N, C-alpha and C. Protein backbone atom coordinates (compact mmCIF):
# COMPACT_ATOMS: atom_id res chain seq x y z
N MET A 1 89.57 99.20 128.70
CA MET A 1 89.70 99.27 126.94
C MET A 1 88.97 100.11 126.73
N PRO A 2 89.51 101.29 126.22
CA PRO A 2 88.68 102.73 125.89
C PRO A 2 87.73 101.85 124.73
N GLN A 3 87.01 103.02 124.72
CA GLN A 3 85.37 103.59 123.40
C GLN A 3 86.17 103.20 121.78
N THR A 4 85.99 102.62 120.74
CA THR A 4 86.08 102.89 119.79
C THR A 4 85.83 104.34 118.84
N ASN A 5 85.00 104.63 119.52
CA ASN A 5 84.16 105.85 119.58
C ASN A 5 85.46 107.11 119.87
N ASP A 6 85.59 106.89 120.96
CA ASP A 6 86.92 107.86 121.92
C ASP A 6 87.85 108.01 121.50
N LEU A 7 88.80 105.98 120.93
CA LEU A 7 90.31 106.87 120.08
C LEU A 7 90.43 107.37 119.09
N VAL A 8 88.96 107.30 118.00
CA VAL A 8 88.90 108.44 117.34
C VAL A 8 89.12 109.69 117.45
N GLN A 9 88.25 110.28 118.48
CA GLN A 9 88.19 111.51 118.48
C GLN A 9 89.43 111.99 119.32
N LYS A 10 90.00 110.81 119.80
CA LYS A 10 91.44 111.11 120.61
C LYS A 10 92.56 111.49 119.59
N TYR A 11 92.19 111.07 118.89
CA TYR A 11 93.69 110.62 117.46
C TYR A 11 93.23 111.67 117.05
N GLU A 12 92.40 112.19 116.75
CA GLU A 12 91.52 113.19 115.72
C GLU A 12 92.26 114.58 116.49
N ALA A 13 92.00 115.07 117.33
CA ALA A 13 92.90 116.19 118.37
C ALA A 13 93.45 116.08 118.62
N ILE A 14 94.04 114.98 118.48
CA ILE A 14 95.82 115.18 118.29
C ILE A 14 96.75 115.71 117.29
N LEU A 15 95.74 115.05 115.87
CA LEU A 15 96.72 114.52 113.84
C LEU A 15 95.03 115.80 113.33
N THR A 16 94.18 116.38 113.96
CA THR A 16 93.58 116.07 112.08
C THR A 16 94.12 118.13 112.37
N VAL A 17 94.01 117.82 110.48
CA VAL A 17 94.67 119.08 109.73
C VAL A 17 92.97 120.19 109.26
N ASN A 18 91.87 119.76 109.83
CA ASN A 18 90.49 119.97 109.48
C ASN A 18 90.02 121.20 110.03
N ARG A 19 90.95 121.83 111.24
CA ARG A 19 90.57 122.96 112.18
C ARG A 19 92.04 122.91 112.32
N ASN A 20 91.64 124.01 113.88
CA ASN A 20 92.95 125.23 113.47
C ASN A 20 93.94 124.34 113.99
N GLN A 21 93.48 123.99 115.78
CA GLN A 21 93.84 123.17 117.37
C GLN A 21 93.98 122.20 116.71
N SER A 22 95.37 121.45 117.11
CA SER A 22 95.84 120.54 117.19
C SER A 22 97.22 119.96 116.68
N GLU A 23 97.97 118.33 117.28
CA GLU A 23 99.79 118.49 117.19
C GLU A 23 100.21 118.41 115.58
N ILE A 24 99.60 118.72 114.55
CA ILE A 24 99.51 118.13 113.68
C ILE A 24 99.45 120.57 113.25
N MET A 25 98.72 120.48 113.58
CA MET A 25 98.67 122.07 113.00
C MET A 25 99.41 122.82 113.73
N ASP A 26 99.51 123.00 115.86
CA ASP A 26 101.04 123.47 116.16
C ASP A 26 102.14 123.63 114.61
N ILE A 27 102.87 121.96 114.20
CA ILE A 27 104.03 121.67 113.97
C ILE A 27 103.38 122.83 112.14
N ASN A 28 102.30 122.46 112.16
CA ASN A 28 102.05 123.28 110.77
C ASN A 28 102.14 124.53 110.45
N HIS A 29 101.80 125.11 112.28
CA HIS A 29 101.77 126.78 112.10
C HIS A 29 103.25 127.20 112.16
N ASN A 30 104.38 126.74 112.50
CA ASN A 30 104.92 127.23 112.99
C ASN A 30 107.08 125.90 111.77
N ALA A 31 105.86 125.79 111.11
CA ALA A 31 106.95 125.30 110.14
C ALA A 31 107.83 125.92 109.08
N GLY A 32 109.45 125.85 108.97
CA GLY A 32 110.06 126.42 109.34
C GLY A 32 110.54 128.03 110.20
N ILE A 33 109.60 128.03 111.52
CA ILE A 33 110.43 129.21 112.17
C ILE A 33 111.00 128.18 113.53
N LYS A 34 110.01 126.93 113.82
CA LYS A 34 110.64 126.30 115.58
C LYS A 34 110.40 125.36 115.70
N PRO A 35 111.26 124.19 116.12
CA PRO A 35 111.02 123.12 116.02
C PRO A 35 109.26 122.96 116.90
N VAL A 36 108.66 122.82 117.02
CA VAL A 36 107.77 121.86 118.28
C VAL A 36 107.57 120.74 118.83
N THR A 37 107.93 120.77 120.49
CA THR A 37 107.34 119.48 121.32
C THR A 37 106.22 118.67 120.57
N ILE A 38 105.69 117.77 120.66
CA ILE A 38 104.11 117.00 120.10
C ILE A 38 104.56 115.81 121.44
N SER A 39 103.18 114.99 121.98
CA SER A 39 102.62 113.82 122.84
C SER A 39 103.83 112.55 121.82
N ALA A 40 104.35 111.96 123.03
CA ALA A 40 105.18 110.58 122.51
C ALA A 40 103.47 110.06 120.98
N GLU A 41 102.42 109.99 121.53
CA GLU A 41 101.92 108.76 120.90
C GLU A 41 102.20 109.95 119.20
N ALA A 42 101.70 111.10 119.16
CA ALA A 42 102.21 112.01 117.51
C ALA A 42 102.67 112.26 117.19
N TYR A 43 103.79 112.20 117.65
CA TYR A 43 105.79 112.43 117.74
C TYR A 43 105.72 110.48 116.88
N GLU A 44 105.66 109.54 117.02
CA GLU A 44 105.52 107.79 116.85
C GLU A 44 104.86 108.22 114.87
N ILE A 45 103.67 109.22 115.13
CA ILE A 45 103.10 108.78 114.02
C ILE A 45 103.34 109.25 113.23
N VAL A 46 103.71 110.62 113.51
CA VAL A 46 104.61 111.77 112.89
C VAL A 46 105.94 110.82 112.10
N LYS A 47 106.49 110.12 112.57
CA LYS A 47 107.78 109.92 112.60
C LYS A 47 107.93 109.01 111.05
N GLN A 48 107.22 107.93 111.46
CA GLN A 48 106.41 106.57 110.66
C GLN A 48 106.12 107.59 109.13
N ALA A 49 105.53 108.54 109.27
CA ALA A 49 104.75 109.22 108.21
C ALA A 49 106.10 109.45 107.36
N VAL A 50 107.06 110.44 108.01
CA VAL A 50 107.87 110.85 107.79
C VAL A 50 109.36 110.13 106.56
N ASP A 51 108.71 108.21 107.30
CA ASP A 51 109.61 107.67 107.35
C ASP A 51 109.83 107.19 105.38
N VAL A 52 107.68 106.87 105.29
CA VAL A 52 107.11 106.51 105.26
C VAL A 52 107.15 107.37 103.70
N SER A 53 107.43 108.57 103.61
CA SER A 53 107.65 109.63 102.83
C SER A 53 108.47 109.35 102.05
N ASN A 54 110.08 109.95 102.77
CA ASN A 54 111.43 109.53 101.74
C ASN A 54 111.26 108.33 101.37
N TRP A 55 111.22 107.39 101.69
CA TRP A 55 110.50 106.33 99.86
C TRP A 55 110.86 106.83 99.20
N HIS A 56 109.93 108.43 98.67
CA HIS A 56 109.59 109.22 97.76
C HIS A 56 109.10 107.69 97.15
N ALA A 57 107.67 106.75 97.39
CA ALA A 57 106.90 106.84 96.98
C ALA A 57 105.02 106.93 96.46
N GLY A 58 105.08 108.14 95.99
CA GLY A 58 103.94 108.44 96.17
C GLY A 58 103.56 109.47 97.34
N PHE A 59 103.44 109.09 98.69
CA PHE A 59 102.76 109.25 100.08
C PHE A 59 104.32 110.94 100.22
N ASN A 60 102.98 112.02 100.33
CA ASN A 60 103.87 112.76 101.06
C ASN A 60 103.47 113.17 101.84
N VAL A 61 104.33 113.01 103.81
CA VAL A 61 103.86 113.91 105.04
C VAL A 61 103.57 115.72 104.21
N ALA A 62 104.68 116.21 103.49
CA ALA A 62 104.62 117.46 103.82
C ALA A 62 103.44 118.24 102.51
N ILE A 63 102.91 117.12 102.53
CA ILE A 63 101.99 118.06 100.71
C ILE A 63 101.14 119.00 100.82
N GLY A 64 101.06 119.11 102.54
CA GLY A 64 100.54 120.19 103.50
C GLY A 64 99.81 121.68 102.19
N PRO A 65 101.12 122.03 102.04
CA PRO A 65 101.20 124.12 101.26
C PRO A 65 100.58 123.15 99.92
N LEU A 66 100.64 121.92 99.15
CA LEU A 66 100.20 122.27 97.88
C LEU A 66 98.14 122.48 98.11
N VAL A 67 97.74 121.46 98.92
CA VAL A 67 97.15 120.61 99.65
C VAL A 67 95.86 122.36 99.39
N LYS A 68 97.22 123.40 100.51
CA LYS A 68 96.41 124.55 101.29
C LYS A 68 95.95 125.27 99.82
N LEU A 69 97.16 124.94 98.66
CA LEU A 69 96.80 126.48 97.24
C LEU A 69 96.01 125.69 96.98
N TRP A 70 95.42 124.72 96.48
CA TRP A 70 95.11 124.56 95.93
C TRP A 70 93.38 124.59 96.28
N LYS A 71 92.94 123.91 97.96
CA LYS A 71 92.30 123.81 98.84
C LYS A 71 91.28 122.94 98.48
N ILE A 72 91.71 121.71 98.26
CA ILE A 72 91.75 120.42 97.67
C ILE A 72 90.80 120.07 99.32
N GLY A 73 89.46 119.93 99.27
CA GLY A 73 88.40 118.99 99.67
C GLY A 73 87.68 120.15 100.36
N PHE A 74 87.94 121.77 100.17
CA PHE A 74 87.69 122.68 100.81
C PHE A 74 86.49 123.91 99.66
N ASP A 75 85.96 124.71 99.79
CA ASP A 75 85.52 125.71 98.96
C ASP A 75 86.64 126.34 98.83
N GLY A 76 86.91 126.71 97.35
CA GLY A 76 87.11 127.90 96.86
C GLY A 76 88.31 126.88 95.79
N ALA A 77 87.62 125.66 95.85
CA ALA A 77 89.11 124.37 94.98
C ALA A 77 89.42 125.39 93.34
N ASN A 78 90.28 125.35 93.81
CA ASN A 78 90.94 125.91 92.13
C ASN A 78 92.29 125.15 91.16
N VAL A 79 92.43 125.65 90.63
CA VAL A 79 93.55 124.94 89.67
C VAL A 79 93.92 126.96 90.34
N PRO A 80 95.51 126.66 90.15
CA PRO A 80 97.00 127.59 90.51
C PRO A 80 97.54 127.80 90.03
N ALA A 81 98.06 129.22 89.92
CA ALA A 81 98.65 129.39 88.79
C ALA A 81 100.30 128.88 89.54
N LYS A 82 100.54 128.43 87.61
CA LYS A 82 101.80 127.67 88.03
C LYS A 82 102.62 128.08 88.44
N ARG A 83 103.23 129.43 89.27
CA ARG A 83 103.71 130.19 89.94
C ARG A 83 104.29 129.34 90.91
N SER A 84 102.52 129.48 91.64
CA SER A 84 102.54 128.99 92.79
C SER A 84 103.21 128.05 92.86
N ILE A 85 101.73 127.53 91.70
CA ILE A 85 103.22 125.69 92.73
C ILE A 85 104.32 125.79 92.23
N ASP A 86 104.57 125.87 92.23
CA ASP A 86 106.28 126.02 91.18
C ASP A 86 106.38 126.36 93.42
N ASN A 87 106.26 127.31 94.17
CA ASN A 87 106.53 127.38 95.35
C ASN A 87 106.35 127.46 96.15
N ALA A 88 105.16 127.04 96.30
CA ALA A 88 104.17 125.79 97.11
C ALA A 88 105.29 124.22 97.06
N LEU A 89 106.14 123.76 96.26
CA LEU A 89 106.26 122.98 95.97
C LEU A 89 107.90 122.42 96.75
N HIS A 90 108.63 123.74 97.04
CA HIS A 90 109.74 124.19 97.49
C HIS A 90 109.69 124.11 98.89
N GLN A 91 108.36 123.72 99.22
CA GLN A 91 108.32 123.39 101.26
C GLN A 91 107.70 122.54 100.97
N THR A 92 107.37 121.23 100.25
CA THR A 92 106.90 119.73 99.98
C THR A 92 107.48 118.42 100.12
N ASN A 93 108.93 119.43 100.68
CA ASN A 93 110.16 117.73 100.32
C ASN A 93 110.27 117.55 101.48
N SER A 94 109.81 115.88 102.18
CA SER A 94 110.08 115.49 103.49
C SER A 94 110.81 115.21 104.33
N ASP A 95 111.93 115.21 103.17
CA ASP A 95 113.26 115.09 103.25
C ASP A 95 114.34 116.29 104.71
N ASN A 96 112.46 116.89 103.96
CA ASN A 96 113.81 118.52 105.59
C ASN A 96 113.08 119.00 106.61
N VAL A 97 112.50 117.91 106.75
CA VAL A 97 111.71 117.44 108.33
C VAL A 97 112.28 117.17 108.55
N VAL A 98 112.59 117.91 109.82
CA VAL A 98 113.80 117.10 111.33
C VAL A 98 113.37 116.94 112.42
N LEU A 99 112.80 115.76 113.14
CA LEU A 99 112.74 114.60 113.72
C LEU A 99 114.09 115.16 115.46
N ASP A 100 113.47 114.92 116.27
CA ASP A 100 114.63 114.76 116.83
C ASP A 100 113.73 113.96 118.45
N ASP A 101 114.58 112.81 118.12
CA ASP A 101 113.61 111.96 119.18
C ASP A 101 113.65 111.97 120.68
N ASP A 102 115.07 112.81 120.81
CA ASP A 102 115.58 112.64 122.66
C ASP A 102 114.33 114.11 123.03
N LEU A 103 114.11 114.93 122.04
CA LEU A 103 113.15 115.64 122.90
C LEU A 103 111.77 115.57 122.52
N ARG A 104 111.06 114.82 121.12
CA ARG A 104 110.25 114.64 120.62
C ARG A 104 110.36 115.55 119.60
N THR A 105 110.84 116.63 118.54
CA THR A 105 110.15 117.73 117.98
C THR A 105 110.71 117.65 116.94
N VAL A 106 109.38 117.94 116.13
CA VAL A 106 109.30 118.34 114.72
C VAL A 106 109.33 118.94 114.31
N PHE A 107 110.79 119.85 113.35
CA PHE A 107 110.46 121.11 112.87
C PHE A 107 111.00 121.24 111.49
């Protein structure tokens, strides 16, 4: 059985958005460009996150463009111009995330 630290490192490598490379960052880098095939483990987590986001009850898996714009949690955090916020909001609709269970792709 894997040690807790090993599991944390494994899932961090798959899911992190705080590094340039991970399965989730592959999805983010290709958002609106092309579907991305990911591991079965990552796919199940993304699928659950999209399902919960589509309840529209406060959690949004697609919030990344706003976080990036505001630089939330990073140096240079700021309140962007309203126009920039409005533009980013158009990219945060979790209903637009397309999942393909057969191919394990996220678009």
